[in-house]
Amino acid sequence: MRGSPLALFASVFFIVATVAADPSPPETKTIISHIKRDAVQSTAIASIGYSRRLRALEIEFRNGAIYRYLTVDPATYRELMLAPSKTRYYDEHIRRKYRSLHVRPTNE
């Protein structure tokens, strides 16, 4: 049965059924980060990290919340890091423009 159309159908059905059974949207899932973040000077942002491989931007806010923004191009990360006001850049170019996931701190 391995490699047969029936096996492929069974695999796809299992994946679809598993995803459909999970009622929480992806945005509410919590992940653990392994992306290195660097401290920044900002009123609202504590640190920022980026993974080229994942195309993921991580922002740790001063209130302790950490979010990963998905499908962020490297230019956006560079512009954020060079922005005179990182909070303003975040508000204008990142917030509500990219899908995000809550990141659980590694020490939890």
Protein backbone atom coordinates (compact mmCIF):
# COMPACT_ATOMS: atom_id res chain seq x y z
CA MET A 1 0.00 0.00 0.00
CA ARG A 2 3.02 2.27 0.51
CA GLY A 3 3.33 4.70 -2.40
CA SER A 4 -0.12 3.82 -3.66
CA PRO A 5 -2.81 6.43 -4.33
CA LEU A 6 -4.78 4.98 -1.40
CA ALA A 7 -1.83 5.52 0.98
CA LEU A 8 -1.41 9.07 -0.28
CA PHE A 9 -5.14 9.74 0.23
CA ALA A 10 -4.97 8.30 3.76
CA SER A 11 -1.98 10.54 4.61
CA VAL A 12 -3.65 13.67 3.24
CA PHE A 13 -6.92 12.82 4.98
CA PHE A 14 -5.10 12.37 8.32
CA ILE A 15 -3.36 15.77 7.97
CA VAL A 16 -6.58 17.55 6.98
CA ALA A 17 -8.53 15.89 9.78
CA THR A 18 -5.85 16.78 12.32
CA VAL A 19 -5.75 20.44 11.25
CA ALA A 20 -9.57 20.64 11.12
CA ALA A 21 -9.84 19.17 14.62
CA ASP A 22 -7.70 21.97 16.06
CA PRO A 23 -10.17 24.82 16.68
CA SER A 24 -7.62 27.49 17.56
CA PRO A 25 -6.44 29.72 14.72
CA PRO A 26 -2.67 29.68 14.03
CA GLU A 27 -2.31 33.22 15.42
CA THR A 28 -3.17 31.96 18.93
CA LYS A 29 -0.60 29.17 18.94
CA THR A 30 2.41 29.72 21.15
CA ILE A 31 5.87 28.75 19.94
CA ILE A 32 9.29 28.64 21.58
CA SER A 33 11.88 30.81 19.89
CA HIS A 34 15.45 30.02 19.00
CA ILE A 35 15.97 33.29 17.12
CA LYS A 36 18.63 35.52 18.67
CA ARG A 37 17.31 38.98 19.48
CA ASP A 38 19.42 42.09 20.02
CA ALA A 39 18.52 44.82 22.51
CA VAL A 40 17.44 48.11 20.93
CA GLN A 41 16.84 51.66 22.10
CA SER A 42 13.08 52.16 21.97
CA THR A 43 10.25 53.27 24.19
CA ALA A 44 8.11 50.19 23.48
CA ILE A 45 10.48 47.58 21.99
CA ALA A 46 13.13 45.78 24.06
CA SER A 47 14.78 43.54 21.45
CA ILE A 48 14.55 42.50 17.80
CA GLY A 49 15.71 39.37 15.97
CA TYR A 50 15.44 38.03 12.45
CA SER A 51 15.83 34.65 10.75
CA ARG A 52 16.63 34.80 7.03
CA ARG A 53 15.93 31.08 6.72
CA LEU A 54 12.46 31.38 8.24
CA ARG A 55 11.86 34.94 6.97
CA ALA A 56 10.66 35.60 10.51
CA LEU A 57 10.98 38.80 12.52
CA GLU A 58 10.76 38.59 16.30
CA ILE A 59 10.03 41.54 18.51
CA GLU A 60 10.14 41.55 22.29
CA PHE A 61 8.20 44.42 23.76
CA ARG A 62 9.02 46.24 26.99
CA ASN A 63 5.90 44.70 28.59
CA GLY A 64 7.48 41.24 28.12
CA ALA A 65 5.34 40.06 25.18
CA ILE A 66 7.24 38.45 22.31
CA TYR A 67 5.79 38.07 18.82
CA ARG A 68 7.06 36.44 15.64
CA TYR A 69 5.99 38.07 12.38
CA LEU A 70 5.93 35.74 9.38
CA THR A 71 7.07 36.19 5.75
CA VAL A 72 8.98 39.38 6.53
CA ASP A 73 11.57 40.28 3.90
CA PRO A 74 15.13 41.13 5.00
CA ALA A 75 14.74 44.76 3.81
CA THR A 76 11.94 45.35 6.33
CA TYR A 77 14.15 44.01 9.13
CA ARG A 78 17.06 46.24 8.04
CA GLU A 79 14.80 49.30 7.80
CA LEU A 80 13.39 48.61 11.27
CA MET A 81 16.86 48.30 12.76
CA LEU A 82 17.96 51.56 11.08
CA ALA A 83 14.79 53.52 11.89
CA PRO A 84 15.26 56.49 14.22
CA SER A 85 12.00 55.48 15.93
CA LYS A 86 11.60 51.71 15.99
CA THR A 87 8.16 52.00 17.61
CA ARG A 88 6.91 54.33 14.86
CA TYR A 89 8.37 52.08 12.12
CA TYR A 90 6.73 49.06 13.75
CA ASP A 91 3.35 50.82 13.96
CA GLU A 92 3.48 52.01 10.33
CA HIS A 93 5.08 49.03 8.56
CA ILE A 94 4.72 45.84 10.63
CA ARG A 95 1.81 45.97 13.07
CA ARG A 96 -1.32 44.38 11.56
CA LYS A 97 0.47 43.94 8.21
CA TYR A 98 2.04 40.54 8.89
CA ARG A 99 0.62 37.37 10.39
CA SER A 100 2.02 36.92 13.89
CA LEU A 101 2.47 34.21 16.49
CA HIS A 102 2.94 34.61 20.22
CA VAL A 103 6.37 33.38 21.33
CA ARG A 104 6.82 31.74 24.70
CA PRO A 105 10.05 32.81 26.42
CA THR A 106 12.62 30.00 26.57
CA ASN A 107 12.63 30.06 30.37
CA GLU A 108 8.91 29.10 30.70
